[in-house]
């Protein structure tokens, strides 16, 4: 088995942490009679020779020995070795093989496993079910270069009696190209027991042909699957698994199976809800909790009528399982306007928390973090709706020795109680909170001005002073024009214009644009507003000129200068020649929206806004908010097309953002107003 292993110059090779001289010891350790030695050897191989999926020269040199270990009849621990070999051979996360040279370890390793595939395929009949299950991953890894892999896996299904292996086979088939006949066979299998295998068959069908998934029977199958006895034995202490504190899984092998079945259905919102909604009412926390994850994935990515599902999620807030309650509370908070049907249930949850005794100096509607407290999601959600049932809790949080993060943003929704809130905040004012409330409450926040001026002049503080109209702050704002921070300069200029229409403001903002004028583009024209004043936004008030960064992008001083100039309106006409060149750059959306506010010239800005709308989905909501009159008419085809989309706009491919649902729902509200 290890013939020639000591003749290899392992010391001249490398793995993730340096010299590969110990690799022969690890390879021998994989067949050691002592399970502890085997586990340590496998951990070393995975952590060093195949570290985070990388392949080294030592990986290639070790592969023939790993394959020989796999072929050793009855050797324990071969399932882990099979998973290691499958990971090494898998090119799905790497460039296409055409881009790999023959001297690339990735290509060399893959080809070694492909060459061994005829021998390895015999392991499909290995007596050890764990080896058979692990082999499925290996067959998937080489499938693009080994004809008949799908047929082999499908054939194994017919003879397999172990449910765990059957599920592994079905998961593998979900990742391969299947024909109609093979999908038909999977649908037949979905009518047989055990239920977890039947659901796995439906998952494989969903991966290939979502329209053929029988949504009407899926919920019942999932209920039966989650009720199966755990596969670690019939002893309840062994067969059950605590997935999270407080949640016991009856069938650990079914964890997150609801998502696995419903996610591939994509835009089929009605079908997905038909599966998920009944499961939300399950009395079993493992199933209801997984249904919560599934409905959250659906609501995050797709538009639809979620009122019934949201009501069911709201009902979970009164349930007995702490983890399910907290998960439901957190998800409702993420959903923004979509959570409206559950408002009464959310208020009920807050009432329960308000009645609980304080612990360690905090009420139950506060969350404990290392540096400072937080606000429980149910309070934030109610505050987001401006529901006054959240206000007493927020006023209690103001009086804590260390105020929770996010308190200012939550209080900002209660402008009708500005005087009461401001009075409570003055003592121990956090400048960040004061800035948030100054921008939200405007002149009503005037008592906060001394506290704001007591700290450093920042962009947020300057903007708040401008909204308040703080005449006493004018000297500090004039000094802010010369700040080392360009964003503070911009905010100070905007505030000076708001308070006294300072002649210093517009030149300071133009200076932040960093452009040259292009007289030929403007032809010496002036741009009187077509509206007899600054072009209004669709939502009324000041136009939101995209001053918030999209995920992964910092807002620049130029962005904010454009926003400030647009807010000034026609009086900023002198800035137009400096702004027009930006219509051809990365700031085209910001520049165009500001120019519209200044000039009211729809013909000037429509091409740039159209390009921005089509090229950057993050610009759509602010464009929709800004467009009125002639500009709204010019962009109407884009608006109508957006309303036909089922997918939420501005979705990141992998990451998640807390404001995505709220932003998309707001876009829909604007376009349908």
Foldseek 3Di string as FASTA:
>chain_A
DCPCVVVDPQQVWFWPPHGRVCLVVLLVQCQDPDPVSNVVSLCCCCCTCCNPLDHTPVNLVCVVSLVVVLLPAPRPPNLSSLLVLLSLLACPVDDDVVPDDPPGRSNSSNVVLLVCVVVLLVCCPHPDLSNVLSNLSNLLRNVVPDPPSLVSLLVSLVVDDDLSSLLSSLVSLLSDDDDPVSLVVLCVVLVDDDLVSNLSSLLSNLSHPVVPRPLQCQQVSLVSQQQDAEPQDNPQVRRWDDPDVQAIGRYVVCQLSLQSNLVSNPLPLVSNCSNLQVQCPDLHCRSVQSSLVNVLVVLQWWDDQCLSSLCSLLVCCPHDGPVSNLSSLVSLLLQAPSNVSNLVSLLVSVVVQQPDDDDPQHGSQWADDDPAIAGRSSLQNCLSVVNCSSVVVLLVQLPRPGHHPPSLVSCLSPLVCLLVVLVSQQVPHDLVSLLSNLQSNALSNVVCVVVNVVDDQDLSSLLSCLSNLPPVCLVVLVVQCPDPALSSVLSSLLSCCSNPNDPVNLVSLLVQQPADFDCVVVVPDFFQAPVNWFQAWLVGDQQDLPQDDDPPDHRGSNLSSLSSLLRRAQVNRVSLRSLLVCCPDPCVSSSLLSCCRHHVDLVSNLVSNVCCVVPAVVSQLSLLRRDDDPNCVSCVVVLVVVVVDGTFTPDDPPDGDSCRSVSRVSSVVSSVD
